[in-house]
Amino acid sequence: QKQLVESGGGSVQPGGSLRLSCVAVGFTYNMYTLSWYRQGSGEERELVAAINGAGNVKQYGDSVKGRFTISRDNAKNTMYLQMNNLKPEDAAMYYCKAQSPWGSEQYWGQGTQVTVSS
């Protein structure tokens, strides 16, 4: 019943931009820590960005600092990842994750594919 649904992936040239969205269905995640992960072909899944419930504390992986921006709109039960100046190494499946404040409940989206090529 509870699920996360990602959208906004696609194919862009290097230097292009995409905006990913993740909406919660079946629950309200205003108190949850939210994050974006990615996994490229043959790679380990890695943290891209994270944001706390209030939206005032954010963290980013070193490789995306200055290019990606995480945000959330709790009224819409949605979080976003604005990706600018995309590089070929950014190509991956991107997943959103919601972690409950009590730590025992977490949800993953199905993923959205990002391709960066010339």
PDB file of N, CA and C in Angstrom:
ATOM      1  N   GLN A   1       0.828  -1.197   0.000  1.00  0.00           N
ATOM      2  CA  GLN A   1       0.000   0.000   0.000  1.00  0.00           C
ATOM      3  C   GLN A   1       0.871   1.260   0.000  1.00  0.00           C
ATOM      4  N   LYS A   2       1.883   1.269   0.846  1.00  0.00           N
ATOM      5  CA  LYS A   2       2.802   2.402   0.897  1.00  0.00           C
ATOM      6  C   LYS A   2       3.862   2.235  -0.189  1.00  0.00           C
ATOM      7  N   GLN A   3       4.076   3.278  -0.941  1.00  0.00           N
ATOM      8  CA  GLN A   3       5.059   3.211  -2.003  1.00  0.00           C
ATOM      9  C   GLN A   3       5.598   4.591  -2.354  1.00  0.00           C
ATOM     10  N   LEU A   4       6.740   4.587  -3.009  1.00  0.00           N
ATOM     11  CA  LEU A   4       7.350   5.791  -3.540  1.00  0.00           C
ATOM     12  C   LEU A   4       7.395   5.667  -5.052  1.00  0.00           C
ATOM     13  N   VAL A   5       7.074   6.742  -5.737  1.00  0.00           N
ATOM     14  CA  VAL A   5       7.032   6.733  -7.190  1.00  0.00           C
ATOM     15  C   VAL A   5       7.924   7.836  -7.726  1.00  0.00           C
ATOM     16  N   GLU A   6       8.965   7.453  -8.459  1.00  0.00           N
ATOM     17  CA  GLU A   6       9.893   8.408  -9.054  1.00  0.00           C
ATOM     18  C   GLU A   6       9.496   8.721 -10.489  1.00  0.00           C
ATOM     19  N   SER A   7       9.898   9.891 -10.937  1.00  0.00           N
ATOM     20  CA  SER A   7       9.694  10.279 -12.318  1.00  0.00           C
ATOM     21  C   SER A   7      10.724  11.335 -12.688  1.00  0.00           C
ATOM     22  N   GLY A   8      10.838  11.630 -13.969  1.00  0.00           N
ATOM     23  CA  GLY A   8      11.699  12.699 -14.437  1.00  0.00           C
ATOM     24  C   GLY A   8      12.995  12.251 -15.079  1.00  0.00           C
ATOM     25  N   GLY A   9      13.287  10.967 -15.059  1.00  0.00           N
ATOM     26  CA  GLY A   9      14.491  10.484 -15.707  1.00  0.00           C
ATOM     27  C   GLY A   9      14.404  10.607 -17.215  1.00  0.00           C
ATOM     28  N   GLY A  10      15.538  10.463 -17.863  1.00  0.00           N
ATOM     29  CA  GLY A  10      15.583  10.562 -19.307  1.00  0.00           C
ATOM     30  C   GLY A  10      16.999  10.556 -19.809  1.00  0.00           C
ATOM     31  N   SER A  11      17.149  10.912 -21.070  1.00  0.00           N
ATOM     32  CA  SER A  11      18.452  10.949 -21.723  1.00  0.00           C
ATOM     33  C   SER A  11      18.812  12.382 -22.082  1.00  0.00           C
ATOM     34  N   VAL A  12      20.008  12.812 -21.673  1.00  0.00           N
ATOM     35  CA  VAL A  12      20.479  14.160 -21.961  1.00  0.00           C
ATOM     36  C   VAL A  12      21.930  14.122 -22.409  1.00  0.00           C
ATOM     37  N   GLN A  13      22.363  15.196 -23.053  1.00  0.00           N
ATOM     38  CA  GLN A  13      23.764  15.355 -23.415  1.00  0.00           C
ATOM     39  C   GLN A  13      24.554  15.883 -22.222  1.00  0.00           C
ATOM     40  N   PRO A  14      25.864  15.672 -22.205  1.00  0.00           N
ATOM     41  CA  PRO A  14      26.672  16.265 -21.140  1.00  0.00           C
ATOM     42  C   PRO A  14      26.430  17.766 -21.044  1.00  0.00           C
ATOM     43  N   GLY A  15      26.303  18.254 -19.810  1.00  0.00           N
ATOM     44  CA  GLY A  15      25.994  19.650 -19.577  1.00  0.00           C
ATOM     45  C   GLY A  15      24.513  19.943 -19.464  1.00  0.00           C
ATOM     46  N   GLY A  16      23.683  18.972 -19.761  1.00  0.00           N
ATOM     47  CA  GLY A  16      22.250  19.151 -19.677  1.00  0.00           C
ATOM     48  C   GLY A  16      21.730  19.037 -18.261  1.00  0.00           C
ATOM     49  N   SER A  17      20.416  19.203 -18.117  1.00  0.00           N
ATOM     50  CA  SER A  17      19.776  19.189 -16.805  1.00  0.00           C
ATOM     51  C   SER A  17      18.545  18.301 -16.803  1.00  0.00           C
ATOM     52  N   LEU A  18      18.254  17.762 -15.640  1.00  0.00           N
ATOM     53  CA  LEU A  18      17.036  17.006 -15.402  1.00  0.00           C
ATOM     54  C   LEU A  18      16.543  17.310 -13.995  1.00  0.00           C
ATOM     55  N   ARG A  19      15.250  17.169 -13.794  1.00  0.00           N
ATOM     56  CA  ARG A  19      14.668  17.303 -12.469  1.00  0.00           C
ATOM     57  C   ARG A  19      13.888  16.040 -12.144  1.00  0.00           C
ATOM     58  N   LEU A  20      14.334  15.334 -11.126  1.00  0.00           N
ATOM     59  CA  LEU A  20      13.668  14.122 -10.685  1.00  0.00           C
ATOM     60  C   LEU A  20      12.674  14.438  -9.577  1.00  0.00           C
ATOM     61  N   SER A  21      11.589  13.689  -9.547  1.00  0.00           N
ATOM     62  CA  SER A  21      10.577  13.835  -8.513  1.00  0.00           C
ATOM     63  C   SER A  21      10.311  12.488  -7.866  1.00  0.00           C
ATOM     64  N   CYS A  22       9.925  12.520  -6.603  1.00  0.00           N
ATOM     65  CA  CYS A  22       9.555  11.312  -5.874  1.00  0.00           C
ATOM     66  C   CYS A  22       8.365  11.643  -4.987  1.00  0.00           C
ATOM     67  N   VAL A  23       7.251  10.991  -5.232  1.00  0.00           N
ATOM     68  CA  VAL A  23       6.039  11.239  -4.464  1.00  0.00           C
ATOM     69  C   VAL A  23       5.690  10.006  -3.639  1.00  0.00           C
ATOM     70  N   ALA A  24       5.273  10.228  -2.407  1.00  0.00           N
ATOM     71  CA  ALA A  24       4.841   9.141  -1.534  1.00  0.00           C
ATOM     72  C   ALA A  24       3.356   8.882  -1.738  1.00  0.00           C
ATOM     73  N   VAL A  25       3.013   7.617  -1.864  1.00  0.00           N
ATOM     74  CA  VAL A  25       1.629   7.203  -2.033  1.00  0.00           C
ATOM     75  C   VAL A  25       1.242   6.292  -0.879  1.00  0.00           C
ATOM     76  N   GLY A  26       0.150   6.609  -0.203  1.00  0.00           N
ATOM     77  CA  GLY A  26      -0.330   5.773   0.882  1.00  0.00           C
ATOM     78  C   GLY A  26       0.149   6.174   2.260  1.00  0.00           C
ATOM     79  N   PHE A  27       0.997   7.173   2.336  1.00  0.00           N
ATOM     80  CA  PHE A  27       1.456   7.676   3.629  1.00  0.00           C
ATOM     81  C   PHE A  27       2.007   9.079   3.468  1.00  0.00           C
ATOM     82  N   THR A  28       2.134   9.771   4.582  1.00  0.00           N
ATOM     83  CA  THR A  28       2.671  11.118   4.603  1.00  0.00           C
ATOM     84  C   THR A  28       4.061  11.079   5.213  1.00  0.00           C
ATOM     85  N   TYR A  29       5.054  11.585   4.492  1.00  0.00           N
ATOM     86  CA  TYR A  29       6.425  11.439   4.972  1.00  0.00           C
ATOM     87  C   TYR A  29       7.085  12.741   5.408  1.00  0.00           C
ATOM     88  N   ASN A  30       6.292  13.664   5.907  1.00  0.00           N
ATOM     89  CA  ASN A  30       6.847  14.932   6.369  1.00  0.00           C
ATOM     90  C   ASN A  30       7.860  14.774   7.485  1.00  0.00           C
ATOM     91  N   MET A  31       7.768  13.701   8.265  1.00  0.00           N
ATOM     92  CA  MET A  31       8.711  13.467   9.354  1.00  0.00           C
ATOM     93  C   MET A  31       9.879  12.570   8.953  1.00  0.00           C
ATOM     94  N   TYR A  32       9.854  12.050   7.751  1.00  0.00           N
ATOM     95  CA  TYR A  32      10.871  11.107   7.305  1.00  0.00           C
ATOM     96  C   TYR A  32      12.098  11.809   6.747  1.00  0.00           C
ATOM     97  N   THR A  33      13.246  11.196   6.973  1.00  0.00           N
ATOM     98  CA  THR A  33      14.435  11.592   6.236  1.00  0.00           C
ATOM     99  C   THR A  33      14.336  11.014   4.829  1.00  0.00           C
ATOM    100  N   LEU A  34      14.566  11.845   3.846  1.00  0.00           N
ATOM    101  CA  LEU A  34      14.471  11.435   2.449  1.00  0.00           C
ATOM    102  C   LEU A  34      15.844  11.511   1.788  1.00  0.00           C
ATOM    103  N   SER A  35      16.061  10.662   0.826  1.00  0.00           N
ATOM    104  CA  SER A  35      17.348  10.664   0.160  1.00  0.00           C
ATOM    105  C   SER A  35      17.230  10.132  -1.261  1.00  0.00           C
ATOM    106  N   TRP A  36      18.238  10.465  -2.056  1.00  0.00           N
ATOM    107  CA  TRP A  36      18.397   9.934  -3.396  1.00  0.00           C
ATOM    108  C   TRP A  36      19.664   9.098  -3.443  1.00  0.00           C
ATOM    109  N   TYR A  37      19.544   7.922  -4.024  1.00  0.00           N
ATOM    110  CA  TYR A  37      20.674   7.045  -4.283  1.00  0.00           C
ATOM    111  C   TYR A  37      20.749   6.785  -5.779  1.00  0.00           C
ATOM    112  N   ARG A  38      21.906   6.343  -6.217  1.00  0.00           N
ATOM    113  CA  ARG A  38      22.033   5.947  -7.612  1.00  0.00           C
ATOM    114  C   ARG A  38      22.918   4.721  -7.723  1.00  0.00           C
ATOM    115  N   GLN A  39      22.703   3.991  -8.789  1.00  0.00           N
ATOM    116  CA  GLN A  39      23.486   2.800  -9.038  1.00  0.00           C
ATOM    117  C   GLN A  39      23.730   2.681 -10.535  1.00  0.00           C
ATOM    118  N   GLY A  40      24.969   2.838 -10.930  1.00  0.00           N
ATOM    119  CA  GLY A  40      25.343   2.666 -12.315  1.00  0.00           C
ATOM    120  C   GLY A  40      25.589   1.212 -12.633  1.00  0.00           C
ATOM    121  N   SER A  41      25.726   0.922 -13.907  1.00  0.00           N
ATOM    122  CA  SER A  41      25.977  -0.443 -14.342  1.00  0.00           C
ATOM    123  C   SER A  41      27.292  -0.947 -13.757  1.00  0.00           C
ATOM    124  N   GLY A  42      27.228  -2.063 -13.055  1.00  0.00           N
ATOM    125  CA  GLY A  42      28.411  -2.639 -12.445  1.00  0.00           C
ATOM    126  C   GLY A  42      28.941  -1.886 -11.243  1.00  0.00           C
ATOM    127  N   GLU A  43      28.163  -0.949 -10.722  1.00  0.00           N
ATOM    128  CA  GLU A  43      28.599  -0.127  -9.597  1.00  0.00           C
ATOM    129  C   GLU A  43      27.790  -0.429  -8.349  1.00  0.00           C
ATOM    130  N   GLU A  44      28.346  -0.034  -7.198  1.00  0.00           N
ATOM    131  CA  GLU A  44      27.616  -0.122  -5.943  1.00  0.00           C
ATOM    132  C   GLU A  44      26.616   1.025  -5.845  1.00  0.00           C
ATOM    133  N   ARG A  45      25.533   0.786  -5.153  1.00  0.00           N
ATOM    134  CA  ARG A  45      24.573   1.852  -4.925  1.00  0.00           C
ATOM    135  C   ARG A  45      25.182   2.879  -3.972  1.00  0.00           C
ATOM    136  N   GLU A  46      25.093   4.150  -4.319  1.00  0.00           N
ATOM    137  CA  GLU A  46      25.712   5.192  -3.521  1.00  0.00           C
ATOM    138  C   GLU A  46      24.735   6.317  -3.213  1.00  0.00           C
ATOM    139  N   LEU A  47      24.968   6.964  -2.086  1.00  0.00           N
ATOM    140  CA  LEU A  47      24.154   8.110  -1.690  1.00  0.00           C
ATOM    141  C   LEU A  47      24.489   9.311  -2.557  1.00  0.00           C
ATOM    142  N   VAL A  48      23.460   9.951  -3.083  1.00  0.00           N
ATOM    143  CA  VAL A  48      23.615  11.167  -3.870  1.00  0.00           C
ATOM    144  C   VAL A  48      23.334  12.397  -3.027  1.00  0.00           C
ATOM    145  N   ALA A  49      22.210  12.397  -2.324  1.00  0.00           N
ATOM    146  CA  ALA A  49      21.803  13.537  -1.516  1.00  0.00           C
ATOM    147  C   ALA A  49      20.780  13.092  -0.488  1.00  0.00           C
ATOM    148  N   ALA A  50      20.687  13.841   0.610  1.00  0.00           N
ATOM    149  CA  ALA A  50      19.724  13.541   1.660  1.00  0.00           C
ATOM    150  C   ALA A  50      19.196  14.836   2.248  1.00  0.00           C
ATOM    151  N   ILE A  51      17.995  14.768   2.809  1.00  0.00           N
ATOM    152  CA  ILE A  51      17.358  15.937   3.385  1.00  0.00           C
ATOM    153  C   ILE A  51      16.523  15.514   4.586  1.00  0.00           C
ATOM    154  N   ASN A  52      16.560  16.320   5.644  1.00  0.00           N
ATOM    155  CA  ASN A  52      15.814  15.980   6.843  1.00  0.00           C
ATOM    156  C   ASN A  52      14.343  16.353   6.697  1.00  0.00           C
ATOM    157  N   GLY A  53      13.554  16.011   7.710  1.00  0.00           N
ATOM    158  CA  GLY A  53      12.116  16.221   7.633  1.00  0.00           C
ATOM    159  C   GLY A  53      11.709  17.661   7.421  1.00  0.00           C
ATOM    160  N   ALA A  54      12.352  18.571   8.138  1.00  0.00           N
ATOM    161  CA  ALA A  54      12.014  19.989   8.026  1.00  0.00           C
ATOM    162  C   ALA A  54      12.545  20.610   6.749  1.00  0.00           C
ATOM    163  N   GLY A  55      13.501  19.963   6.106  1.00  0.00           N
ATOM    164  CA  GLY A  55      14.056  20.471   4.866  1.00  0.00           C
ATOM    165  C   GLY A  55      15.164  21.488   5.025  1.00  0.00           C
ATOM    166  N   ASN A  56      15.656  21.680   6.234  1.00  0.00           N
ATOM    167  CA  ASN A  56      16.677  22.689   6.485  1.00  0.00           C
ATOM    168  C   ASN A  56      18.084  22.119   6.606  1.00  0.00           C
ATOM    169  N   VAL A  57      18.220  20.806   6.577  1.00  0.00           N
ATOM    170  CA  VAL A  57      19.529  20.170   6.645  1.00  0.00           C
ATOM    171  C   VAL A  57      19.680  19.256   5.438  1.00  0.00           C
ATOM    172  N   LYS A  58      20.722  19.497   4.646  1.00  0.00           N
ATOM    173  CA  LYS A  58      20.954  18.733   3.429  1.00  0.00           C
ATOM    174  C   LYS A  58      22.390  18.257   3.371  1.00  0.00           C
ATOM    175  N   GLN A  59      22.601  17.137   2.712  1.00  0.00           N
ATOM    176  CA  GLN A  59      23.945  16.668   2.466  1.00  0.00           C
ATOM    177  C   GLN A  59      24.038  16.102   1.063  1.00  0.00           C
ATOM    178  N   TYR A  60      25.249  16.165   0.495  1.00  0.00           N
ATOM    179  CA  TYR A  60      25.465  15.723  -0.870  1.00  0.00           C
ATOM    180  C   TYR A  60      26.724  14.894  -0.970  1.00  0.00           C
ATOM    181  N   GLY A  61      26.701  13.958  -1.892  1.00  0.00           N
ATOM    182  CA  GLY A  61      27.923  13.260  -2.210  1.00  0.00           C
ATOM    183  C   GLY A  61      28.918  14.218  -2.847  1.00  0.00           C
ATOM    184  N   ASP A  62      30.197  13.953  -2.628  1.00  0.00           N
ATOM    185  CA  ASP A  62      31.227  14.868  -3.120  1.00  0.00           C
ATOM    186  C   ASP A  62      31.157  15.077  -4.632  1.00  0.00           C
ATOM    187  N   SER A  63      30.806  14.059  -5.363  1.00  0.00           N
ATOM    188  CA  SER A  63      30.822  14.142  -6.812  1.00  0.00           C
ATOM    189  C   SER A  63      29.713  15.015  -7.396  1.00  0.00           C
ATOM    190  N   VAL A  64      28.695  15.357  -6.601  1.00  0.00           N
ATOM    191  CA  VAL A  64      27.572  16.129  -7.121  1.00  0.00           C
ATOM    192  C   VAL A  64      27.438  17.499  -6.473  1.00  0.00           C
ATOM    193  N   LYS A  65      28.277  17.815  -5.511  1.00  0.00           N
ATOM    194  CA  LYS A  65      28.199  19.111  -4.846  1.00  0.00           C
ATOM    195  C   LYS A  65      28.367  20.250  -5.847  1.00  0.00           C
ATOM    196  N   GLY A  66      27.497  21.235  -5.722  1.00  0.00           N
ATOM    197  CA  GLY A  66      27.539  22.373  -6.624  1.00  0.00           C
ATOM    198  C   GLY A  66      26.769  22.177  -7.903  1.00  0.00           C
ATOM    199  N   ARG A  67      26.343  20.958  -8.196  1.00  0.00           N
ATOM    200  CA  ARG A  67      25.605  20.672  -9.420  1.00  0.00           C
ATOM    201  C   ARG A  67      24.183  20.186  -9.153  1.00  0.00           C
ATOM    202  N   PHE A  68      23.992  19.442  -8.068  1.00  0.00           N
ATOM    203  CA  PHE A  68      22.684  18.885  -7.738  1.00  0.00           C
ATOM    204  C   PHE A  68      22.103  19.608  -6.525  1.00  0.00           C
ATOM    205  N   THR A  69      20.772  19.714  -6.487  1.00  0.00           N
ATOM    206  CA  THR A  69      20.083  20.327  -5.364  1.00  0.00           C
ATOM    207  C   THR A  69      18.898  19.467  -4.959  1.00  0.00           C
ATOM    208  N   ILE A  70      18.860  19.068  -3.695  1.00  0.00           N
ATOM    209  CA  ILE A  70      17.738  18.301  -3.178  1.00  0.00           C
ATOM    210  C   ILE A  70      16.777  19.246  -2.466  1.00  0.00           C
ATOM    211  N   SER A  71      15.494  18.995  -2.600  1.00  0.00           N
ATOM    212  CA  SER A  71      14.483  19.803  -1.939  1.00  0.00           C
ATOM    213  C   SER A  71      13.251  18.947  -1.673  1.00  0.00           C
ATOM    214  N   ARG A  72      12.349  19.470  -0.862  1.00  0.00           N
ATOM    215  CA  ARG A  72      11.113  18.747  -0.596  1.00  0.00           C
ATOM    216  C   ARG A  72       9.973  19.720  -0.386  1.00  0.00           C
ATOM    217  N   ASP A  73       8.786  19.271  -0.719  1.00  0.00           N
ATOM    218  CA  ASP A  73       7.559  20.023  -0.502  1.00  0.00           C
ATOM    219  C   ASP A  73       6.638  19.104   0.279  1.00  0.00           C
ATOM    220  N   ASN A  74       6.634  19.267   1.591  1.00  0.00           N
ATOM    221  CA  ASN A  74       5.861  18.363   2.433  1.00  0.00           C
ATOM    222  C   ASN A  74       4.359  18.484   2.194  1.00  0.00           C
ATOM    223  N   ALA A  75       3.896  19.655   1.793  1.00  0.00           N
ATOM    224  CA  ALA A  75       2.484  19.832   1.497  1.00  0.00           C
ATOM    225  C   ALA A  75       2.056  18.974   0.314  1.00  0.00           C
ATOM    226  N   LYS A  76       2.982  18.716  -0.604  1.00  0.00           N
ATOM    227  CA  LYS A  76       2.704  17.886  -1.771  1.00  0.00           C
ATOM    228  C   LYS A  76       3.216  16.464  -1.619  1.00  0.00           C
ATOM    229  N   ASN A  77       3.820  16.179  -0.467  1.00  0.00           N
ATOM    230  CA  ASN A  77       4.350  14.843  -0.200  1.00  0.00           C
ATOM    231  C   ASN A  77       5.338  14.412  -1.285  1.00  0.00           C
ATOM    232  N   THR A  78       6.166  15.346  -1.690  1.00  0.00           N
ATOM    233  CA  THR A  78       7.066  15.137  -2.816  1.00  0.00           C
ATOM    234  C   THR A  78       8.455  15.692  -2.525  1.00  0.00           C
ATOM    235  N   MET A  79       9.482  14.993  -2.982  1.00  0.00           N
ATOM    236  CA  MET A  79      10.825  15.555  -2.960  1.00  0.00           C
ATOM    237  C   MET A  79      11.384  15.593  -4.376  1.00  0.00           C
ATOM    238  N   TYR A  80      12.421  16.407  -4.552  1.00  0.00           N
ATOM    239  CA  TYR A  80      12.962  16.657  -5.873  1.00  0.00           C
ATOM    240  C   TYR A  80      14.484  16.579  -5.863  1.00  0.00           C
ATOM    241  N   LEU A  81      15.028  16.318  -7.014  1.00  0.00           N
ATOM    242  CA  LEU A  81      16.464  16.409  -7.217  1.00  0.00           C
ATOM    243  C   LEU A  81      16.694  17.151  -8.525  1.00  0.00           C
ATOM    244  N   GLN A  82      17.153  18.394  -8.410  1.00  0.00           N
ATOM    245  CA  GLN A  82      17.513  19.168  -9.586  1.00  0.00           C
ATOM    246  C   GLN A  82      18.958  18.852  -9.938  1.00  0.00           C
ATOM    247  N   MET A  83      19.175  18.361 -11.131  1.00  0.00           N
ATOM    248  CA  MET A  83      20.501  17.955 -11.579  1.00  0.00           C
ATOM    249  C   MET A  83      20.927  18.845 -12.739  1.00  0.00           C
ATOM    250  N   ASN A  84      21.981  19.612 -12.527  1.00  0.00           N
ATOM    251  CA  ASN A  84      22.514  20.504 -13.551  1.00  0.00           C
ATOM    252  C   ASN A  84      23.914  20.074 -13.955  1.00  0.00           C
ATOM    253  N   ASN A  85      24.325  20.514 -15.134  1.00  0.00           N
ATOM    254  CA  ASN A  85      25.653  20.207 -15.652  1.00  0.00           C
ATOM    255  C   ASN A  85      25.968  18.719 -15.544  1.00  0.00           C
ATOM    256  N   LEU A  86      25.078  17.922 -16.071  1.00  0.00           N
ATOM    257  CA  LEU A  86      25.229  16.475 -15.973  1.00  0.00           C
ATOM    258  C   LEU A  86      26.447  15.975 -16.741  1.00  0.00           C
ATOM    259  N   LYS A  87      27.087  14.981 -16.172  1.00  0.00           N
ATOM    260  CA  LYS A  87      28.281  14.375 -16.740  1.00  0.00           C
ATOM    261  C   LYS A  87      28.014  12.910 -17.060  1.00  0.00           C
ATOM    262  N   PRO A  88      28.796  12.327 -17.966  1.00  0.00           N
ATOM    263  CA  PRO A  88      28.587  10.909 -18.289  1.00  0.00           C
ATOM    264  C   PRO A  88      28.624  10.007 -17.065  1.00  0.00           C
ATOM    265  N   GLU A  89      29.448  10.334 -16.085  1.00  0.00           N
ATOM    266  CA  GLU A  89      29.532   9.514 -14.893  1.00  0.00           C
ATOM    267  C   GLU A  89      28.302   9.608 -13.996  1.00  0.00           C
ATOM    268  N   ASP A  90      27.389  10.536 -14.296  1.00  0.00           N
ATOM    269  CA  ASP A  90      26.133  10.634 -13.561  1.00  0.00           C
ATOM    270  C   ASP A  90      25.091   9.640 -14.054  1.00  0.00           C
ATOM    271  N   ALA A  91      25.331   9.011 -15.175  1.00  0.00           N
ATOM    272  CA  ALA A  91      24.382   8.049 -15.722  1.00  0.00           C
ATOM    273  C   ALA A  91      24.196   6.892 -14.746  1.00  0.00           C
ATOM    274  N   ALA A  92      22.957   6.606 -14.403  1.00  0.00           N
ATOM    275  CA  ALA A  92      22.662   5.573 -13.421  1.00  0.00           C
ATOM    276  C   ALA A  92      21.159   5.435 -13.268  1.00  0.00           C
ATOM    277  N   MET A  93      20.757   4.419 -12.532  1.00  0.00           N
ATOM    278  CA  MET A  93      19.389   4.329 -12.059  1.00  0.00           C
ATOM    279  C   MET A  93      19.320   5.088 -10.742  1.00  0.00           C
ATOM    280  N   TYR A  94      18.391   6.022 -10.643  1.00  0.00           N
ATOM    281  CA  TYR A  94      18.247   6.834  -9.447  1.00  0.00           C
ATOM    282  C   TYR A  94      17.036   6.374  -8.646  1.00  0.00           C
ATOM    283  N   TYR A  95      17.239   6.196  -7.342  1.00  0.00           N
ATOM    284  CA  TYR A  95      16.206   5.703  -6.449  1.00  0.00           C
ATOM    285  C   TYR A  95      15.959   6.692  -5.318  1.00  0.00           C
ATOM    286  N   CYS A  96      14.707   6.842  -4.917  1.00  0.00           N
ATOM    287  CA  CYS A  96      14.426   7.617  -3.717  1.00  0.00           C
ATOM    288  C   CYS A  96      14.168   6.681  -2.545  1.00  0.00           C
ATOM    289  N   LYS A  97      14.486   7.179  -1.364  1.00  0.00           N
ATOM    290  CA  LYS A  97      14.352   6.406  -0.140  1.00  0.00           C
ATOM    291  C   LYS A  97      13.741   7.276   0.945  1.00  0.00           C
ATOM    292  N   ALA A  98      12.820   6.701   1.704  1.00  0.00           N
ATOM    293  CA  ALA A  98      12.229   7.369   2.856  1.00  0.00           C
ATOM    294  C   ALA A  98      12.520   6.544   4.097  1.00  0.00           C
ATOM    295  N   GLN A  99      13.042   7.200   5.130  1.00  0.00           N
ATOM    296  CA  GLN A  99      13.389   6.539   6.382  1.00  0.00           C
ATOM    297  C   GLN A  99      12.556   7.132   7.508  1.00  0.00           C
ATOM    298  N   SER A 100      11.860   6.290   8.241  1.00  0.00           N
ATOM    299  CA  SER A 100      11.011   6.768   9.328  1.00  0.00           C
ATOM    300  C   SER A 100      11.849   7.284  10.486  1.00  0.00           C
ATOM    301  N   PRO A 101      11.300   8.203  11.283  1.00  0.00           N
ATOM    302  CA  PRO A 101      12.051   8.727  12.434  1.00  0.00           C
ATOM    303  C   PRO A 101      12.436   7.660  13.432  1.00  0.00           C
ATOM    304  N   TRP A 102      11.635   6.610  13.546  1.00  0.00           N
ATOM    305  CA  TRP A 102      11.919   5.559  14.499  1.00  0.00           C
ATOM    306  C   TRP A 102      12.893   4.519  13.954  1.00  0.00           C
ATOM    307  N   GLY A 103      13.239   4.632  12.702  1.00  0.00           N
ATOM    308  CA  GLY A 103      14.319   3.852  12.127  1.00  0.00           C
ATOM    309  C   GLY A 103      13.991   2.470  11.609  1.00  0.00           C
ATOM    310  N   SER A 104      12.843   1.934  11.950  1.00  0.00           N
ATOM    311  CA  SER A 104      12.514   0.562  11.573  1.00  0.00           C
ATOM    312  C   SER A 104      11.706   0.455  10.287  1.00  0.00           C
ATOM    313  N   GLU A 105      11.327   1.570   9.732  1.00  0.00           N
ATOM    314  CA  GLU A 105      10.490   1.582   8.543  1.00  0.00           C
ATOM    315  C   GLU A 105      11.180   2.380   7.450  1.00  0.00           C
ATOM    316  N   GLN A 106      11.406   1.751   6.314  1.00  0.00           N
ATOM    317  CA  GLN A 106      11.980   2.445   5.182  1.00  0.00           C
ATOM    318  C   GLN A 106      11.368   1.942   3.880  1.00  0.00           C
ATOM    319  N   TYR A 107      11.347   2.817   2.914  1.00  0.00           N
ATOM    320  CA  TYR A 107      10.747   2.503   1.624  1.00  0.00           C
ATOM    321  C   TYR A 107      11.657   2.962   0.507  1.00  0.00           C
ATOM    322  N   TRP A 108      11.648   2.201  -0.557  1.00  0.00           N
ATOM    323  CA  TRP A 108      12.416   2.515  -1.755  1.00  0.00           C
ATOM    324  C   TRP A 108      11.487   2.624  -2.956  1.00  0.00           C
ATOM    325  N   GLY A 109      11.793   3.552  -3.827  1.00  0.00           N
ATOM    326  CA  GLY A 109      11.081   3.647  -5.081  1.00  0.00           C
ATOM    327  C   GLY A 109      11.589   2.632  -6.082  1.00  0.00           C
ATOM    328  N   GLN A 110      10.951   2.565  -7.215  1.00  0.00           N
ATOM    329  CA  GLN A 110      11.309   1.592  -8.245  1.00  0.00           C
ATOM    330  C   GLN A 110      12.492   2.037  -9.098  1.00  0.00           C
ATOM    331  N   GLY A 111      12.841   3.300  -9.019  1.00  0.00           N
ATOM    332  CA  GLY A 111      13.961   3.835  -9.765  1.00  0.00           C
ATOM    333  C   GLY A 111      13.547   4.517 -11.052  1.00  0.00           C
ATOM    334  N   THR A 112      14.343   5.499 -11.454  1.00  0.00           N
ATOM    335  CA  THR A 112      14.160   6.162 -12.734  1.00  0.00           C
ATOM    336  C   THR A 112      15.523   6.295 -13.407  1.00  0.00           C
ATOM    337  N   GLN A 113      15.583   5.976 -14.687  1.00  0.00           N
ATOM    338  CA  GLN A 113      16.857   5.889 -15.396  1.00  0.00           C
ATOM    339  C   GLN A 113      17.308   7.247 -15.910  1.00  0.00           C
ATOM    340  N   VAL A 114      18.566   7.553 -15.666  1.00  0.00           N
ATOM    341  CA  VAL A 114      19.200   8.759 -16.202  1.00  0.00           C
ATOM    342  C   VAL A 114      20.349   8.337 -17.098  1.00  0.00           C
ATOM    343  N   THR A 115      20.324   8.804 -18.331  1.00  0.00           N
ATOM    344  CA  THR A 115      21.379   8.513 -19.292  1.00  0.00           C
ATOM    345  C   THR A 115      22.013   9.816 -19.746  1.00  0.00           C
ATOM    346  N   VAL A 116      23.336   9.868 -19.763  1.00  0.00           N
ATOM    347  CA  VAL A 116      24.074  11.059 -20.180  1.00  0.00           C
ATOM    348  C   VAL A 116      25.084  10.631 -21.236  1.00  0.00           C
ATOM    349  N   SER A 117      24.859  11.065 -22.459  1.00  0.00           N
ATOM    350  CA  SER A 117      25.746  10.688 -23.547  1.00  0.00           C
ATOM    351  C   SER A 117      25.654  11.704 -24.672  1.00  0.00           C
ATOM    352  N   SER A 118      26.721  11.786 -25.448  1.00  0.00           N
ATOM    353  CA  SER A 118      26.739  12.691 -26.588  1.00  0.00           C
ATOM    354  C   SER A 118      26.288  12.010 -27.865  1.00  0.00           C
TER     355      SER A 118
END
